[in-house]
Amino acid sequence: MSRTQYIKIGEVNGRWKAEIIESLLSAQGMEVQLIQDAVTHYLYKGPFDLVQIFVPDKMVLEARELLKSFDEFQLTEDDE
């Protein structure tokens, strides 16, 4: 049984922006994982904190193509 590997395709400032991107990609049939880290476990995760966006490795190119028009989306290079 093979495990799906998720690749970071980019990041945005703000959970609400990440959720819009998640909805767009999900509507295209893609699985999406959003990761938002805090400095410590005791700090509140703010609405404008950095959120990383991951998709399965087989969907990376398609997801990046769909997100090219998002000005605030910071694409991750292929080698990361």
N, C-alpha and C. Protein backbone atom coordinates (compact mmCIF):
# COMPACT_ATOMS: atom_id res chain seq x y z
N MET A 1 0.84 -1.17 0.00
CA MET A 1 0.00 0.00 0.00
C MET A 1 0.89 1.24 0.00
N SER A 2 0.66 2.13 -0.94
CA SER A 2 1.49 3.33 -1.02
C SER A 2 0.81 4.49 -0.31
N ARG A 3 1.62 5.33 0.29
CA ARG A 3 1.10 6.51 0.99
C ARG A 3 1.22 7.72 0.07
N THR A 4 0.23 8.57 0.13
CA THR A 4 0.26 9.79 -0.67
C THR A 4 1.21 10.78 -0.02
N GLN A 5 2.12 11.33 -0.83
CA GLN A 5 3.04 12.34 -0.34
C GLN A 5 2.48 13.71 -0.69
N TYR A 6 2.41 14.58 0.27
CA TYR A 6 1.92 15.94 0.05
C TYR A 6 3.10 16.89 -0.14
N ILE A 7 2.96 17.80 -1.10
CA ILE A 7 4.00 18.77 -1.44
C ILE A 7 3.47 20.16 -1.18
N LYS A 8 4.30 21.00 -0.56
CA LYS A 8 3.91 22.40 -0.34
C LYS A 8 3.95 23.13 -1.67
N ILE A 9 2.82 23.73 -2.05
CA ILE A 9 2.78 24.47 -3.31
C ILE A 9 2.88 25.97 -3.10
N GLY A 10 2.73 26.42 -1.86
CA GLY A 10 2.84 27.84 -1.59
C GLY A 10 2.28 28.20 -0.25
N GLU A 11 2.16 29.52 -0.03
CA GLU A 11 1.66 30.01 1.24
C GLU A 11 1.00 31.37 1.07
N VAL A 12 0.12 31.69 1.99
CA VAL A 12 -0.57 32.98 1.99
C VAL A 12 -0.62 33.52 3.41
N ASN A 13 -0.78 34.82 3.53
CA ASN A 13 -0.98 35.44 4.84
C ASN A 13 -2.47 35.54 5.09
N GLY A 14 -2.96 34.74 5.99
CA GLY A 14 -4.37 34.79 6.35
C GLY A 14 -5.07 33.47 6.11
N ARG A 15 -5.68 32.98 7.17
CA ARG A 15 -6.41 31.72 7.07
C ARG A 15 -7.56 31.81 6.08
N TRP A 16 -8.23 32.96 6.04
CA TRP A 16 -9.38 33.12 5.13
C TRP A 16 -8.95 33.01 3.68
N LYS A 17 -7.77 33.52 3.34
CA LYS A 17 -7.27 33.39 1.96
C LYS A 17 -6.97 31.93 1.65
N ALA A 18 -6.36 31.25 2.62
CA ALA A 18 -6.03 29.84 2.43
C ALA A 18 -7.30 29.00 2.22
N GLU A 19 -8.35 29.34 2.93
CA GLU A 19 -9.60 28.59 2.79
C GLU A 19 -10.27 28.85 1.44
N ILE A 20 -10.09 30.04 0.88
CA ILE A 20 -10.60 30.31 -0.47
C ILE A 20 -9.85 29.44 -1.48
N ILE A 21 -8.54 29.39 -1.34
CA ILE A 21 -7.73 28.56 -2.24
C ILE A 21 -8.07 27.09 -2.06
N GLU A 22 -8.25 26.68 -0.82
CA GLU A 22 -8.65 25.29 -0.55
C GLU A 22 -9.97 24.96 -1.26
N SER A 23 -10.93 25.87 -1.20
CA SER A 23 -12.23 25.66 -1.86
C SER A 23 -12.07 25.55 -3.37
N LEU A 24 -11.25 26.40 -3.95
CA LEU A 24 -11.01 26.37 -5.40
C LEU A 24 -10.40 25.03 -5.82
N LEU A 25 -9.37 24.61 -5.11
CA LEU A 25 -8.70 23.36 -5.46
C LEU A 25 -9.60 22.15 -5.21
N SER A 26 -10.34 22.19 -4.11
CA SER A 26 -11.26 21.09 -3.80
C SER A 26 -12.35 20.97 -4.86
N ALA A 27 -12.79 22.11 -5.39
CA ALA A 27 -13.81 22.09 -6.45
C ALA A 27 -13.29 21.43 -7.72
N GLN A 28 -11.97 21.39 -7.87
CA GLN A 28 -11.35 20.73 -9.00
C GLN A 28 -11.00 19.28 -8.69
N GLY A 29 -11.45 18.78 -7.53
CA GLY A 29 -11.23 17.39 -7.16
C GLY A 29 -9.90 17.11 -6.49
N MET A 30 -9.23 18.16 -6.01
CA MET A 30 -7.92 17.98 -5.35
C MET A 30 -8.07 17.92 -3.84
N GLU A 31 -7.25 17.07 -3.24
CA GLU A 31 -7.16 17.05 -1.79
C GLU A 31 -6.22 18.17 -1.38
N VAL A 32 -6.54 18.86 -0.30
CA VAL A 32 -5.74 20.00 0.15
C VAL A 32 -5.53 19.90 1.65
N GLN A 33 -4.31 20.20 2.09
CA GLN A 33 -3.98 20.27 3.51
C GLN A 33 -3.47 21.68 3.79
N LEU A 34 -4.02 22.33 4.82
CA LEU A 34 -3.58 23.66 5.24
C LEU A 34 -2.83 23.51 6.56
N ILE A 35 -1.65 24.12 6.63
CA ILE A 35 -0.84 24.06 7.84
C ILE A 35 -0.56 25.49 8.30
N GLN A 36 -0.93 25.77 9.54
CA GLN A 36 -0.70 27.09 10.13
C GLN A 36 -0.05 26.87 11.48
N ASP A 37 1.21 27.30 11.61
CA ASP A 37 1.96 27.09 12.85
C ASP A 37 1.97 28.34 13.71
N ALA A 38 2.00 28.14 15.00
CA ALA A 38 2.21 29.23 15.95
C ALA A 38 3.64 29.12 16.47
N VAL A 39 4.16 30.20 17.03
CA VAL A 39 5.50 30.19 17.58
C VAL A 39 5.58 29.20 18.74
N THR A 40 4.57 29.18 19.58
CA THR A 40 4.48 28.21 20.66
C THR A 40 3.05 27.69 20.71
N HIS A 41 2.82 26.70 21.53
CA HIS A 41 1.48 26.15 21.68
C HIS A 41 0.56 27.09 22.44
N TYR A 42 1.13 28.09 23.09
CA TYR A 42 0.34 28.99 23.93
C TYR A 42 -0.09 30.25 23.21
N LEU A 43 0.46 30.52 22.05
CA LEU A 43 0.10 31.72 21.31
C LEU A 43 -1.12 31.47 20.43
N TYR A 44 -1.97 32.46 20.37
CA TYR A 44 -3.15 32.40 19.51
C TYR A 44 -2.72 32.50 18.06
N LYS A 45 -3.30 31.69 17.22
CA LYS A 45 -3.04 31.77 15.78
C LYS A 45 -3.94 32.84 15.22
N GLY A 46 -3.35 33.92 14.78
CA GLY A 46 -4.11 35.06 14.29
C GLY A 46 -4.67 34.86 12.90
N PRO A 47 -5.65 35.68 12.54
CA PRO A 47 -6.29 35.53 11.23
C PRO A 47 -5.39 35.90 10.06
N PHE A 48 -4.25 36.56 10.32
CA PHE A 48 -3.36 36.96 9.24
C PHE A 48 -2.00 36.26 9.30
N ASP A 49 -1.92 35.18 10.07
CA ASP A 49 -0.69 34.40 10.13
C ASP A 49 -0.46 33.65 8.82
N LEU A 50 0.77 33.26 8.60
CA LEU A 50 1.15 32.53 7.40
C LEU A 50 0.54 31.13 7.41
N VAL A 51 -0.08 30.74 6.29
CA VAL A 51 -0.67 29.41 6.14
C VAL A 51 -0.03 28.75 4.92
N GLN A 52 0.50 27.55 5.12
CA GLN A 52 1.11 26.79 4.03
C GLN A 52 0.06 25.88 3.41
N ILE A 53 0.15 25.72 2.09
CA ILE A 53 -0.85 24.93 1.36
C ILE A 53 -0.15 23.74 0.70
N PHE A 54 -0.67 22.55 0.97
CA PHE A 54 -0.11 21.31 0.46
C PHE A 54 -1.14 20.56 -0.37
N VAL A 55 -0.68 19.91 -1.45
CA VAL A 55 -1.52 19.03 -2.26
C VAL A 55 -0.74 17.74 -2.53
N PRO A 56 -1.43 16.65 -2.92
CA PRO A 56 -0.71 15.42 -3.26
C PRO A 56 0.28 15.66 -4.40
N ASP A 57 1.39 14.95 -4.35
CA ASP A 57 2.46 15.16 -5.33
C ASP A 57 2.00 15.04 -6.77
N LYS A 58 1.03 14.19 -7.05
CA LYS A 58 0.56 14.01 -8.43
C LYS A 58 -0.29 15.18 -8.93
N MET A 59 -0.65 16.10 -8.04
CA MET A 59 -1.51 17.23 -8.42
C MET A 59 -0.80 18.58 -8.35
N VAL A 60 0.49 18.58 -8.08
CA VAL A 60 1.24 19.83 -7.88
C VAL A 60 1.19 20.74 -9.09
N LEU A 61 1.49 20.22 -10.26
CA LEU A 61 1.53 21.06 -11.47
C LEU A 61 0.17 21.66 -11.78
N GLU A 62 -0.88 20.87 -11.68
CA GLU A 62 -2.23 21.36 -11.95
C GLU A 62 -2.63 22.44 -10.94
N ALA A 63 -2.31 22.23 -9.68
CA ALA A 63 -2.66 23.20 -8.64
C ALA A 63 -1.92 24.52 -8.86
N ARG A 64 -0.64 24.46 -9.17
CA ARG A 64 0.14 25.68 -9.42
C ARG A 64 -0.41 26.45 -10.61
N GLU A 65 -0.82 25.74 -11.63
CA GLU A 65 -1.37 26.39 -12.83
C GLU A 65 -2.67 27.12 -12.47
N LEU A 66 -3.51 26.50 -11.68
CA LEU A 66 -4.77 27.13 -11.27
C LEU A 66 -4.54 28.37 -10.42
N LEU A 67 -3.46 28.39 -9.66
CA LEU A 67 -3.23 29.48 -8.70
C LEU A 67 -2.33 30.59 -9.22
N LYS A 68 -1.91 30.53 -10.46
CA LYS A 68 -1.05 31.57 -11.02
C LYS A 68 -1.68 32.96 -10.98
N SER A 69 -3.00 33.03 -11.04
CA SER A 69 -3.66 34.33 -11.09
C SER A 69 -3.86 34.98 -9.71
N PHE A 70 -3.55 34.26 -8.64
CA PHE A 70 -3.67 34.83 -7.30
C PHE A 70 -2.43 35.67 -7.00
N ASP A 71 -2.59 36.99 -6.95
CA ASP A 71 -1.46 37.89 -6.74
C ASP A 71 -0.76 37.68 -5.41
N GLU A 72 -1.50 37.38 -4.37
CA GLU A 72 -0.91 37.27 -3.03
C GLU A 72 -0.43 35.88 -2.71
N PHE A 73 -0.61 34.94 -3.60
CA PHE A 73 -0.17 33.57 -3.38
C PHE A 73 1.30 33.46 -3.68
N GLN A 74 2.09 33.00 -2.72
CA GLN A 74 3.52 32.87 -2.90
C GLN A 74 3.83 31.43 -3.29
N LEU A 75 4.06 31.23 -4.58
CA LEU A 75 4.33 29.87 -5.07
C LEU A 75 5.65 29.36 -4.53
N THR A 76 5.70 28.08 -4.26
CA THR A 76 6.92 27.40 -3.83
C THR A 76 7.58 26.83 -5.09
N GLU A 77 8.89 26.98 -5.14
CA GLU A 77 9.64 26.46 -6.29
C GLU A 77 9.58 24.95 -6.34
N ASP A 78 9.79 24.38 -7.53
CA ASP A 78 9.71 22.93 -7.74
C ASP A 78 10.66 22.13 -6.87
N ASP A 79 11.82 22.71 -6.52
CA ASP A 79 12.82 21.93 -5.80
C ASP A 79 12.62 21.93 -4.29
N GLU A 80 11.56 22.56 -3.78
CA GLU A 80 11.32 22.56 -2.33
C GLU A 80 10.42 21.44 -1.94
